[in-house]
Amino acid sequence: MPITQIDPVAALILIDLQKGIVSRATAHPASEIVTRSVQLAEAFRQRGLPVVLVNVAGMAPGRTANPRPDPSTFPPDFADLVPELNPQPTDIRITKHSYGAFLGTQLDAELRKRNVTQVIFVGVATSIGVESSARSAFDLGYNVAFVTDAMTDLNPDTHKNSVERFFPRIGELDTTENTLRLLST
């Protein structure tokens, strides 16, 4: 289902569009994802709507079946947002240390302070940072939407699974073009 409306106070949440992650995304070209995300961020800023720039600077503790990288081996600019995002003083900056942007951060408080009722997600990785954050947003009572052509994943199959099977259960899905059109009305 496409996005039926942009709430009066909607926030765009850009997940992990940072140097150390966009270079690893493979399902769709990262340059296209960044370009579309920038277009959306500019449109939200022009309407005076909140833009949330999320980056990840560590990992949640705990054992997993898959080997995990050691964050101390990441390059020094790993957590730096890609410069194309052109962060503005009005943007909300969130640094997370787990997959989701809500757990252990001030994101919910920042959105509530601004009376946000809808969150629209873009970014990397679809099945990890985006999905984890969106699950929390849904559980917290936000109207959730996804701009699916402005997100990608490390794996095309996990991207497809999130977009086709899970996201429709918790939100609306649309394209950059349609979302920009909604923002201009």
Protein backbone atom coordinates (compact mmCIF):
# COMPACT_ATOMS: atom_id res chain seq x y z
CA MET A 1 0.00 0.00 0.00
CA PRO A 2 1.44 3.40 -0.93
CA ILE A 3 1.78 6.16 1.62
CA THR A 4 -1.75 7.51 1.93
CA GLN A 5 -0.74 10.80 3.53
CA ILE A 6 2.10 12.66 5.13
CA ASP A 7 1.05 13.45 8.70
CA PRO A 8 1.23 17.13 9.75
CA VAL A 9 4.31 16.27 11.81
CA ALA A 10 6.17 13.47 10.05
CA ALA A 11 9.88 12.75 10.46
CA LEU A 12 12.27 11.32 7.92
CA ILE A 13 14.67 8.85 9.55
CA LEU A 14 17.83 8.12 7.59
CA ILE A 15 19.49 4.95 8.86
CA ASP A 16 23.25 4.36 8.74
CA LEU A 17 24.07 6.37 5.62
CA GLN A 18 27.67 6.50 6.76
CA LYS A 19 31.01 5.90 5.13
CA GLY A 20 31.69 2.52 6.71
CA ILE A 21 28.34 1.03 5.72
CA VAL A 22 27.20 2.44 2.37
CA SER A 23 30.39 1.11 0.82
CA ARG A 24 29.29 -2.42 1.78
CA ALA A 25 25.69 -2.33 0.52
CA THR A 26 25.14 -4.57 -2.49
CA ALA A 27 21.42 -5.14 -3.18
CA HIS A 28 21.13 -1.76 -4.94
CA PRO A 29 23.80 0.82 -5.80
CA ALA A 30 24.56 2.91 -2.72
CA SER A 31 24.96 6.07 -4.83
CA GLU A 32 21.29 5.84 -5.89
CA ILE A 33 20.17 5.29 -2.30
CA VAL A 34 22.16 8.30 -1.10
CA THR A 35 20.85 10.51 -3.93
CA ARG A 36 17.22 9.64 -3.19
CA SER A 37 17.72 10.04 0.55
CA VAL A 38 19.24 13.49 0.02
CA GLN A 39 16.25 14.51 -2.13
CA LEU A 40 13.87 13.42 0.61
CA ALA A 41 15.87 15.11 3.37
CA GLU A 42 15.87 18.39 1.44
CA ALA A 43 12.10 18.16 0.89
CA PHE A 44 11.46 17.49 4.58
CA ARG A 45 13.71 20.40 5.60
CA GLN A 46 11.94 22.74 3.16
CA ARG A 47 8.61 21.88 4.80
CA GLY A 48 10.08 22.38 8.28
CA LEU A 49 9.66 18.68 9.12
CA PRO A 50 12.19 16.81 11.27
CA VAL A 51 15.09 15.00 9.63
CA VAL A 52 16.80 12.37 11.76
CA LEU A 53 20.33 11.34 10.83
CA VAL A 54 21.23 8.03 12.47
CA ASN A 55 24.66 6.46 12.49
CA VAL A 56 26.01 3.41 14.25
CA ALA A 57 29.23 3.55 16.23
CA GLY A 58 29.38 0.16 17.89
CA MET A 59 27.56 -3.08 18.52
CA ALA A 60 25.33 -4.50 21.17
CA PRO A 61 27.14 -7.02 23.35
CA GLY A 62 26.30 -10.68 23.20
CA ARG A 63 27.21 -13.84 21.39
CA THR A 64 25.89 -14.70 17.94
CA ALA A 65 26.13 -17.69 15.63
CA ASN A 66 27.81 -15.56 12.97
CA PRO A 67 31.20 -14.02 13.59
CA ARG A 68 30.99 -10.29 14.25
CA PRO A 69 33.60 -7.72 13.32
CA ASP A 70 35.64 -6.06 16.03
CA PRO A 71 34.61 -2.35 16.08
CA SER A 72 38.15 -1.39 17.11
CA THR A 73 39.28 -2.47 13.62
CA PHE A 74 36.91 -0.12 11.80
CA PRO A 75 38.49 2.79 9.92
CA PRO A 76 38.48 6.11 11.80
CA ASP A 77 35.75 7.55 9.53
CA PHE A 78 33.52 4.46 9.71
CA ALA A 79 30.71 6.26 11.60
CA ASP A 80 30.93 9.54 9.66
CA LEU A 81 27.77 10.35 7.72
CA VAL A 82 28.23 10.57 3.97
CA PRO A 83 28.86 14.24 3.15
CA GLU A 84 26.05 14.39 0.59
CA LEU A 85 23.54 14.40 3.47
CA ASN A 86 24.68 17.94 4.28
CA PRO A 87 23.62 17.84 7.96
CA GLN A 88 21.82 20.95 9.12
CA PRO A 89 21.62 22.44 12.64
CA THR A 90 17.90 21.59 12.75
CA ASP A 91 18.52 17.89 12.08
CA ILE A 92 18.26 15.42 14.92
CA ARG A 93 21.49 13.43 15.28
CA ILE A 94 21.31 9.95 16.81
CA THR A 95 24.27 7.65 17.35
CA LYS A 96 23.30 4.09 18.14
CA HIS A 97 25.22 1.11 19.46
CA SER A 98 22.79 -1.60 18.39
CA TYR A 99 20.75 -2.43 15.31
CA GLY A 100 17.76 -0.26 16.15
CA ALA A 101 17.75 3.53 16.46
CA PHE A 102 15.32 3.68 19.41
CA LEU A 103 16.81 1.33 22.00
CA GLY A 104 19.33 3.11 24.23
CA THR A 105 18.99 6.48 22.46
CA GLN A 106 16.96 9.67 22.83
CA LEU A 107 15.17 9.20 19.50
CA ASP A 108 11.68 8.57 20.90
CA ALA A 109 12.01 11.54 23.30
CA GLU A 110 13.20 13.83 20.49
CA LEU A 111 10.29 12.80 18.25
CA ARG A 112 7.71 13.13 21.03
CA LYS A 113 9.06 16.59 21.92
CA ARG A 114 8.28 17.62 18.33
CA ASN A 115 4.83 15.92 18.31
CA VAL A 116 5.84 13.53 15.52
CA THR A 117 3.13 10.98 14.66
CA GLN A 118 4.63 9.45 11.51
CA VAL A 119 8.13 8.19 10.75
CA ILE A 120 9.35 7.52 7.23
CA PHE A 121 12.40 5.31 6.86
CA VAL A 122 15.22 5.18 4.33
CA GLY A 123 18.78 3.87 4.56
CA VAL A 124 20.96 0.83 5.04
CA ALA A 125 20.60 -2.02 5.78
CA THR A 126 16.99 -2.80 5.03
CA SER A 127 16.87 -6.01 7.07
CA ILE A 128 19.00 -4.78 9.96
CA GLY A 129 19.04 -1.10 10.93
CA VAL A 130 15.91 -0.08 9.04
CA GLU A 131 13.82 -3.08 10.08
CA SER A 132 14.95 -3.01 13.73
CA SER A 133 14.19 0.70 14.01
CA ALA A 134 10.85 0.36 12.25
CA ARG A 135 9.74 -2.48 14.54
CA SER A 136 10.36 -0.25 17.55
CA ALA A 137 8.61 2.72 15.94
CA PHE A 138 5.55 0.58 15.23
CA ASP A 139 5.55 -0.78 18.79
CA LEU A 140 5.79 2.78 20.12
CA GLY A 141 2.66 3.78 18.19
CA TYR A 142 4.06 5.78 15.28
CA ASN A 143 2.56 5.59 11.81
CA VAL A 144 5.38 3.91 9.89
CA ALA A 145 6.26 4.27 6.21
CA PHE A 146 9.12 3.08 4.04
CA VAL A 147 10.55 4.62 0.89
CA THR A 148 11.72 1.34 -0.55
CA ASP A 149 13.74 2.66 -3.47
CA ALA A 150 15.81 4.70 -0.98
CA MET A 151 17.05 1.70 0.99
CA THR A 152 19.30 -1.24 0.36
CA ASP A 153 20.86 -4.20 2.10
CA LEU A 154 24.00 -6.28 2.11
CA ASN A 155 21.99 -9.15 0.64
CA PRO A 156 19.32 -8.87 -2.08
CA ASP A 157 17.29 -11.75 -0.57
CA THR A 158 17.07 -10.20 2.90
CA HIS A 159 16.19 -6.83 1.36
CA LYS A 160 13.39 -8.46 -0.63
CA ASN A 161 12.11 -10.36 2.40
CA SER A 162 11.86 -7.20 4.51
CA VAL A 163 10.21 -5.14 1.78
CA GLU A 164 7.79 -7.76 0.50
CA ARG A 165 6.95 -9.79 3.58
CA PHE A 166 7.51 -7.79 6.74
CA PHE A 167 7.21 -4.07 6.02
CA PRO A 168 3.59 -4.30 4.74
CA ARG A 169 2.62 -5.71 8.15
CA ILE A 170 3.79 -2.60 10.03
CA GLY A 171 3.58 0.28 7.59
CA GLU A 172 3.02 1.77 4.18
CA LEU A 173 5.49 1.47 1.29
CA ASP A 174 6.18 3.95 -1.46
CA THR A 175 8.76 5.35 -3.84
CA THR A 176 10.86 8.49 -3.62
CA GLU A 177 8.94 10.07 -6.50
CA ASN A 178 5.53 9.51 -4.89
CA THR A 179 6.73 10.59 -1.46
CA LEU A 180 8.17 13.81 -2.90
CA ARG A 181 4.85 14.43 -4.64
CA LEU A 182 2.98 14.00 -1.36
CA LEU A 183 5.38 16.40 0.33
CA SER A 184 4.77 19.06 -2.33
CA THR A 185 0.98 19.13 -1.90
